[in-house]
Amino acid sequence: MRTRTTLLAFILLALLGVTPLLQACHTVAGAGQDISSTGRSIEKSADRHTP
């Protein structure tokens, strides 16, 4: 019984430790999309204002 409780506690701690890393992936991906969108907007504006 004690071994099972220890294993469950270890698994819970491992999942809690991995959660911030998974969230960071989504944050970085979102930031990359925002930067790409900004770059496209600047490029379109430059194309429109080029004689």
PDB file of N, CA and C in Angstrom:
ATOM      1  N   MET A   1       0.831  -1.202   0.000  1.00  0.00           N
ATOM      2  CA  MET A   1       0.000   0.000   0.000  1.00  0.00           C
ATOM      3  C   MET A   1       0.866   1.253   0.000  1.00  0.00           C
ATOM      4  N   ARG A   2       1.917   1.250   0.794  1.00  0.00           N
ATOM      5  CA  ARG A   2       2.779   2.426   0.878  1.00  0.00           C
ATOM      6  C   ARG A   2       3.498   2.689  -0.437  1.00  0.00           C
ATOM      7  N   THR A   3       3.903   1.615  -1.124  1.00  0.00           N
ATOM      8  CA  THR A   3       4.596   1.758  -2.396  1.00  0.00           C
ATOM      9  C   THR A   3       3.662   2.379  -3.431  1.00  0.00           C
ATOM     10  N   ARG A   4       2.403   1.981  -3.414  1.00  0.00           N
ATOM     11  CA  ARG A   4       1.439   2.539  -4.366  1.00  0.00           C
ATOM     12  C   ARG A   4       1.226   4.028  -4.099  1.00  0.00           C
ATOM     13  N   THR A   5       1.131   4.415  -2.852  1.00  0.00           N
ATOM     14  CA  THR A   5       0.948   5.816  -2.496  1.00  0.00           C
ATOM     15  C   THR A   5       2.165   6.628  -2.918  1.00  0.00           C
ATOM     16  N   THR A   6       3.330   6.088  -2.714  1.00  0.00           N
ATOM     17  CA  THR A   6       4.561   6.765  -3.109  1.00  0.00           C
ATOM     18  C   THR A   6       4.609   6.923  -4.634  1.00  0.00           C
ATOM     19  N   LEU A   7       4.220   5.885  -5.357  1.00  0.00           N
ATOM     20  CA  LEU A   7       4.210   5.949  -6.815  1.00  0.00           C
ATOM     21  C   LEU A   7       3.221   6.997  -7.315  1.00  0.00           C
ATOM     22  N   LEU A   8       2.043   7.031  -6.736  1.00  0.00           N
ATOM     23  CA  LEU A   8       1.048   8.024  -7.124  1.00  0.00           C
ATOM     24  C   LEU A   8       1.532   9.438  -6.820  1.00  0.00           C
ATOM     25  N   ALA A   9       2.177   9.625  -5.696  1.00  0.00           N
ATOM     26  CA  ALA A   9       2.710  10.939  -5.341  1.00  0.00           C
ATOM     27  C   ALA A   9       3.797  11.357  -6.336  1.00  0.00           C
ATOM     28  N   PHE A  10       4.648  10.411  -6.717  1.00  0.00           N
ATOM     29  CA  PHE A  10       5.706  10.701  -7.685  1.00  0.00           C
ATOM     30  C   PHE A  10       5.112  11.088  -9.041  1.00  0.00           C
ATOM     31  N   ILE A  11       4.099  10.348  -9.486  1.00  0.00           N
ATOM     32  CA  ILE A  11       3.455  10.648 -10.761  1.00  0.00           C
ATOM     33  C   ILE A  11       2.807  12.030 -10.726  1.00  0.00           C
ATOM     34  N   LEU A  12       2.140  12.341  -9.628  1.00  0.00           N
ATOM     35  CA  LEU A  12       1.507  13.653  -9.487  1.00  0.00           C
ATOM     36  C   LEU A  12       2.540  14.774  -9.542  1.00  0.00           C
ATOM     37  N   LEU A  13       3.638  14.604  -8.838  1.00  0.00           N
ATOM     38  CA  LEU A  13       4.696  15.617  -8.861  1.00  0.00           C
ATOM     39  C   LEU A  13       5.305  15.756 -10.259  1.00  0.00           C
ATOM     40  N   ALA A  14       5.469  14.644 -10.953  1.00  0.00           N
ATOM     41  CA  ALA A  14       6.024  14.689 -12.313  1.00  0.00           C
ATOM     42  C   ALA A  14       5.083  15.445 -13.241  1.00  0.00           C
ATOM     43  N   LEU A  15       3.787  15.186 -13.141  1.00  0.00           N
ATOM     44  CA  LEU A  15       2.822  15.894 -13.978  1.00  0.00           C
ATOM     45  C   LEU A  15       2.793  17.383 -13.669  1.00  0.00           C
ATOM     46  N   LEU A  16       2.881  17.721 -12.404  1.00  0.00           N
ATOM     47  CA  LEU A  16       2.898  19.134 -12.023  1.00  0.00           C
ATOM     48  C   LEU A  16       4.178  19.822 -12.516  1.00  0.00           C
ATOM     49  N   GLY A  17       5.261  19.077 -12.557  1.00  0.00           N
ATOM     50  CA  GLY A  17       6.529  19.637 -13.036  1.00  0.00           C
ATOM     51  C   GLY A  17       6.541  19.858 -14.539  1.00  0.00           C
ATOM     52  N   VAL A  18       5.821  19.033 -15.273  1.00  0.00           N
ATOM     53  CA  VAL A  18       5.803  19.119 -16.735  1.00  0.00           C
ATOM     54  C   VAL A  18       4.815  20.179 -17.224  1.00  0.00           C
ATOM     55  N   THR A  19       3.801  20.469 -16.454  1.00  0.00           N
ATOM     56  CA  THR A  19       2.758  21.400 -16.871  1.00  0.00           C
ATOM     57  C   THR A  19       3.293  22.759 -17.318  1.00  0.00           C
ATOM     58  N   PRO A  20       4.182  23.414 -16.573  1.00  0.00           N
ATOM     59  CA  PRO A  20       4.690  24.714 -17.043  1.00  0.00           C
ATOM     60  C   PRO A  20       5.438  24.618 -18.373  1.00  0.00           C
ATOM     61  N   LEU A  21       6.118  23.511 -18.598  1.00  0.00           N
ATOM     62  CA  LEU A  21       6.831  23.347 -19.867  1.00  0.00           C
ATOM     63  C   LEU A  21       5.862  23.251 -21.031  1.00  0.00           C
ATOM     64  N   LEU A  22       4.764  22.542 -20.825  1.00  0.00           N
ATOM     65  CA  LEU A  22       3.770  22.426 -21.891  1.00  0.00           C
ATOM     66  C   LEU A  22       3.089  23.762 -22.150  1.00  0.00           C
ATOM     67  N   GLN A  23       2.833  24.513 -21.118  1.00  0.00           N
ATOM     68  CA  GLN A  23       2.221  25.824 -21.283  1.00  0.00           C
ATOM     69  C   GLN A  23       3.172  26.778 -21.991  1.00  0.00           C
ATOM     70  N   ALA A  24       4.454  26.662 -21.721  1.00  0.00           N
ATOM     71  CA  ALA A  24       5.443  27.523 -22.361  1.00  0.00           C
ATOM     72  C   ALA A  24       5.479  27.273 -23.862  1.00  0.00           C
ATOM     73  N   CYS A  25       5.285  26.031 -24.277  1.00  0.00           N
ATOM     74  CA  CYS A  25       5.269  25.725 -25.714  1.00  0.00           C
ATOM     75  C   CYS A  25       4.149  26.498 -26.409  1.00  0.00           C
ATOM     76  N   HIS A  26       2.980  26.517 -25.784  1.00  0.00           N
ATOM     77  CA  HIS A  26       1.864  27.225 -26.386  1.00  0.00           C
ATOM     78  C   HIS A  26       2.127  28.732 -26.393  1.00  0.00           C
ATOM     79  N   THR A  27       2.763  29.227 -25.368  1.00  0.00           N
ATOM     80  CA  THR A  27       3.055  30.653 -25.290  1.00  0.00           C
ATOM     81  C   THR A  27       4.043  31.058 -26.379  1.00  0.00           C
ATOM     82  N   VAL A  28       5.078  30.265 -26.560  1.00  0.00           N
ATOM     83  CA  VAL A  28       6.090  30.557 -27.576  1.00  0.00           C
ATOM     84  C   VAL A  28       5.472  30.467 -28.970  1.00  0.00           C
ATOM     85  N   ALA A  29       4.621  29.463 -29.184  1.00  0.00           N
ATOM     86  CA  ALA A  29       3.966  29.326 -30.489  1.00  0.00           C
ATOM     87  C   ALA A  29       3.081  30.535 -30.760  1.00  0.00           C
ATOM     88  N   GLY A  30       2.356  30.985 -29.765  1.00  0.00           N
ATOM     89  CA  GLY A  30       1.496  32.161 -29.916  1.00  0.00           C
ATOM     90  C   GLY A  30       2.302  33.407 -30.196  1.00  0.00           C
ATOM     91  N   ALA A  31       3.425  33.540 -29.519  1.00  0.00           N
ATOM     92  CA  ALA A  31       4.280  34.707 -29.751  1.00  0.00           C
ATOM     93  C   ALA A  31       4.835  34.682 -31.171  1.00  0.00           C
ATOM     94  N   GLY A  32       5.204  33.507 -31.654  1.00  0.00           N
ATOM     95  CA  GLY A  32       5.701  33.379 -33.023  1.00  0.00           C
ATOM     96  C   GLY A  32       4.647  33.767 -34.042  1.00  0.00           C
ATOM     97  N   GLN A  33       3.406  33.369 -33.782  1.00  0.00           N
ATOM     98  CA  GLN A  33       2.321  33.739 -34.691  1.00  0.00           C
ATOM     99  C   GLN A  33       2.093  35.245 -34.675  1.00  0.00           C
ATOM    100  N   ASP A  34       2.151  35.853 -33.496  1.00  0.00           N
ATOM    101  CA  ASP A  34       1.974  37.302 -33.396  1.00  0.00           C
ATOM    102  C   ASP A  34       3.071  38.048 -34.148  1.00  0.00           C
ATOM    103  N   ILE A  35       4.295  37.587 -34.001  1.00  0.00           N
ATOM    104  CA  ILE A  35       5.421  38.233 -34.676  1.00  0.00           C
ATOM    105  C   ILE A  35       5.284  38.078 -36.190  1.00  0.00           C
ATOM    106  N   SER A  36       4.876  36.897 -36.643  1.00  0.00           N
ATOM    107  CA  SER A  36       4.680  36.680 -38.077  1.00  0.00           C
ATOM    108  C   SER A  36       3.575  37.574 -38.623  1.00  0.00           C
ATOM    109  N   SER A  37       2.503  37.688 -37.869  1.00  0.00           N
ATOM    110  CA  SER A  37       1.391  38.538 -38.289  1.00  0.00           C
ATOM    111  C   SER A  37       1.827  39.997 -38.392  1.00  0.00           C
ATOM    112  N   THR A  38       2.600  40.451 -37.432  1.00  0.00           N
ATOM    113  CA  THR A  38       3.102  41.824 -37.452  1.00  0.00           C
ATOM    114  C   THR A  38       4.008  42.046 -38.665  1.00  0.00           C
ATOM    115  N   GLY A  39       4.863  41.081 -38.936  1.00  0.00           N
ATOM    116  CA  GLY A  39       5.752  41.182 -40.095  1.00  0.00           C
ATOM    117  C   GLY A  39       4.985  41.250 -41.402  1.00  0.00           C
ATOM    118  N   ARG A  40       3.940  40.433 -41.524  1.00  0.00           N
ATOM    119  CA  ARG A  40       3.114  40.476 -42.738  1.00  0.00           C
ATOM    120  C   ARG A  40       2.422  41.828 -42.887  1.00  0.00           C
ATOM    121  N   SER A  41       1.948  42.371 -41.778  1.00  0.00           N
ATOM    122  CA  SER A  41       1.283  43.681 -41.832  1.00  0.00           C
ATOM    123  C   SER A  41       2.256  44.775 -42.274  1.00  0.00           C
ATOM    124  N   ILE A  42       3.452  44.752 -41.754  1.00  0.00           N
ATOM    125  CA  ILE A  42       4.465  45.746 -42.134  1.00  0.00           C
ATOM    126  C   ILE A  42       4.816  45.590 -43.615  1.00  0.00           C
ATOM    127  N   GLU A  43       4.947  44.341 -44.058  1.00  0.00           N
ATOM    128  CA  GLU A  43       5.283  44.099 -45.463  1.00  0.00           C
ATOM    129  C   GLU A  43       4.166  44.595 -46.383  1.00  0.00           C
ATOM    130  N   LYS A  44       2.922  44.339 -46.033  1.00  0.00           N
ATOM    131  CA  LYS A  44       1.793  44.813 -46.845  1.00  0.00           C
ATOM    132  C   LYS A  44       1.751  46.342 -46.894  1.00  0.00           C
ATOM    133  N   SER A  45       2.003  46.954 -45.739  1.00  0.00           N
ATOM    134  CA  SER A  45       2.011  48.421 -45.688  1.00  0.00           C
ATOM    135  C   SER A  45       3.132  48.994 -46.556  1.00  0.00           C
ATOM    136  N   ALA A  46       4.286  48.363 -46.496  1.00  0.00           N
ATOM    137  CA  ALA A  46       5.419  48.816 -47.317  1.00  0.00           C
ATOM    138  C   ALA A  46       5.097  48.673 -48.795  1.00  0.00           C
ATOM    139  N   ASP A  47       4.451  47.558 -49.163  1.00  0.00           N
ATOM    140  CA  ASP A  47       4.088  47.361 -50.571  1.00  0.00           C
ATOM    141  C   ASP A  47       3.087  48.410 -51.053  1.00  0.00           C
ATOM    142  N   ARG A  48       2.140  48.766 -50.196  1.00  0.00           N
ATOM    143  CA  ARG A  48       1.134  49.753 -50.579  1.00  0.00           C
ATOM    144  C   ARG A  48       1.718  51.157 -50.731  1.00  0.00           C
ATOM    145  N   HIS A  49       2.740  51.461 -49.948  1.00  0.00           N
ATOM    146  CA  HIS A  49       3.295  52.812 -49.942  1.00  0.00           C
ATOM    147  C   HIS A  49       4.562  52.951 -50.803  1.00  0.00           C
ATOM    148  N   THR A  50       4.905  51.917 -51.526  1.00  0.00           N
ATOM    149  CA  THR A  50       6.053  51.998 -52.419  1.00  0.00           C
ATOM    150  C   THR A  50       5.584  52.547 -53.764  1.00  0.00           C
ATOM    151  N   PRO A  51       6.270  53.584 -54.248  1.00  0.00           N
ATOM    152  CA  PRO A  51       5.830  54.199 -55.528  1.00  0.00           C
ATOM    153  C   PRO A  51       6.068  53.284 -56.713  1.00  0.00           C
TER     154      PRO A  51
END
